[in-house]
Protein backbone atom coordinates (compact mmCIF):
# COMPACT_ATOMS: atom_id res chain seq x y z
CA UNK A 1 23.70 -1.74 27.53
CA UNK A 2 25.76 -4.20 25.54
CA UNK A 3 23.09 -6.86 26.08
CA UNK A 4 19.94 -4.93 25.21
CA UNK A 5 18.50 -4.05 21.82
CA UNK A 6 20.81 -1.05 21.53
CA UNK A 7 23.90 -3.15 22.03
CA UNK A 8 25.27 -3.64 18.54
CA UNK A 9 28.86 -2.45 18.60
CA UNK A 10 29.92 -1.46 15.10
CA UNK A 11 33.54 -1.08 14.12
CA UNK A 12 35.20 -2.54 17.21
CA UNK A 13 38.12 -4.79 16.33
CA UNK A 14 41.14 -4.33 18.62
CA UNK A 15 43.26 -6.70 16.51
CA UNK A 16 43.15 -4.12 13.74
CA UNK A 17 43.46 -1.12 16.04
CA UNK A 18 39.78 -0.18 15.69
CA UNK A 19 38.84 0.47 19.28
CA UNK A 20 36.45 3.42 19.10
CA UNK A 21 33.37 1.39 18.26
CA UNK A 22 29.94 2.88 17.78
CA UNK A 23 26.89 1.57 19.55
CA UNK A 24 23.75 1.42 17.53
CA UNK A 25 20.64 -0.51 16.82
CA UNK A 26 18.91 -1.65 13.70
CA UNK A 27 16.64 1.27 12.90
CA UNK A 28 17.46 0.96 9.23
CA UNK A 29 16.41 -2.61 8.39
CA UNK A 30 13.10 -1.31 7.06
CA UNK A 31 15.05 0.29 4.19
CA UNK A 32 16.19 -3.13 2.98
CA UNK A 33 12.69 -4.57 3.41
CA UNK A 34 11.13 -1.68 1.46
CA UNK A 35 13.67 -1.94 -1.36
CA UNK A 36 13.08 -5.70 -1.60
CA UNK A 37 9.30 -5.26 -1.68
CA UNK A 38 9.40 -2.53 -4.32
CA UNK A 39 11.56 -4.59 -6.63
CA UNK A 40 9.87 -7.95 -6.07
CA UNK A 41 12.88 -9.47 -4.32
CA UNK A 42 12.46 -12.28 -1.80
CA UNK A 43 13.25 -12.43 1.90
CA UNK A 44 16.74 -13.76 1.25
CA UNK A 45 17.55 -10.59 -0.69
CA UNK A 46 16.08 -8.46 2.09
CA UNK A 47 18.37 -10.24 4.56
CA UNK A 48 21.34 -9.55 2.28
CA UNK A 49 20.34 -5.89 2.28
CA UNK A 50 20.23 -5.90 6.08
CA UNK A 51 23.68 -7.45 6.14
CA UNK A 52 24.94 -4.82 3.72
CA UNK A 53 23.57 -2.08 5.99
CA UNK A 54 25.45 -3.45 8.97
CA UNK A 55 28.65 -4.00 6.97
CA UNK A 56 28.65 -0.39 5.79
CA UNK A 57 27.95 0.91 9.29
CA UNK A 58 30.75 -1.23 10.67
CA UNK A 59 33.25 -0.05 8.08
CA UNK A 60 32.33 3.58 8.68
CA UNK A 61 32.69 3.13 12.44
CA UNK A 62 36.16 1.64 11.93
CA UNK A 63 37.46 4.72 10.18
CA UNK A 64 35.35 7.57 11.58
CA UNK A 65 34.11 7.60 15.15
CA UNK A 66 31.04 9.79 15.40
CA UNK A 67 30.99 9.78 19.18
CA UNK A 68 34.37 11.50 19.18
CA UNK A 69 32.59 14.49 17.64
CA UNK A 70 29.40 14.16 19.72
CA UNK A 71 27.43 13.10 16.64
CA UNK A 72 24.75 10.42 16.94
CA UNK A 73 25.24 6.99 15.39
CA UNK A 74 22.32 7.52 13.02
CA UNK A 75 24.58 9.36 10.57
CA UNK A 76 26.39 6.10 9.78
CA UNK A 77 23.03 4.40 9.48
CA UNK A 78 21.68 7.04 7.12
CA UNK A 79 24.71 6.74 4.85
CA UNK A 80 24.37 2.95 4.88
CA UNK A 81 20.64 3.20 4.18
CA UNK A 82 21.18 5.42 1.14
CA UNK A 83 23.83 3.10 -0.26
CA UNK A 84 21.83 -0.05 0.42
CA UNK A 85 18.57 1.28 -0.98
CA UNK A 86 20.32 2.47 -4.11
CA UNK A 87 22.13 -0.82 -4.59
CA UNK A 88 18.99 -2.86 -4.10
CA UNK A 89 17.03 -0.66 -6.52
CA UNK A 90 19.72 -0.87 -9.21
CA UNK A 91 21.09 2.66 -8.91
CA UNK A 92 24.40 3.52 -10.53
CA UNK A 93 27.48 4.32 -8.45
CA UNK A 94 27.01 7.99 -9.31
CA UNK A 95 23.39 7.95 -8.14
CA UNK A 96 24.36 6.27 -4.87
CA UNK A 97 27.16 8.79 -4.36
CA UNK A 98 24.70 11.62 -4.92
CA UNK A 99 22.23 10.11 -2.43
CA UNK A 100 24.97 9.79 0.20
CA UNK A 101 25.96 13.40 -0.50
CA UNK A 102 22.39 14.51 0.24
CA UNK A 103 22.47 12.63 3.55
CA UNK A 104 25.65 14.24 4.82
């Protein structure tokens, strides 16, 4: 499965001791596209939003392995989506924190 569309391995970096890794796919890119469209941002900003989504998912996977608890990878994606959407729409840190709290 590492080579198909579900093969993104988030949070796997054995040099840093992060060996759990979470497989996932990019279900959440539409969040960045929607935020860019709603705020009149260009494609470059949408790509930055997509990168932010993956960075957040990767960082979460490094410190909290969902598969260890039999929880699907979409939880990391939902947290990343809330943070990315808020950031791209100009939300405050408190608003983004509240949105993440509603997700989890």
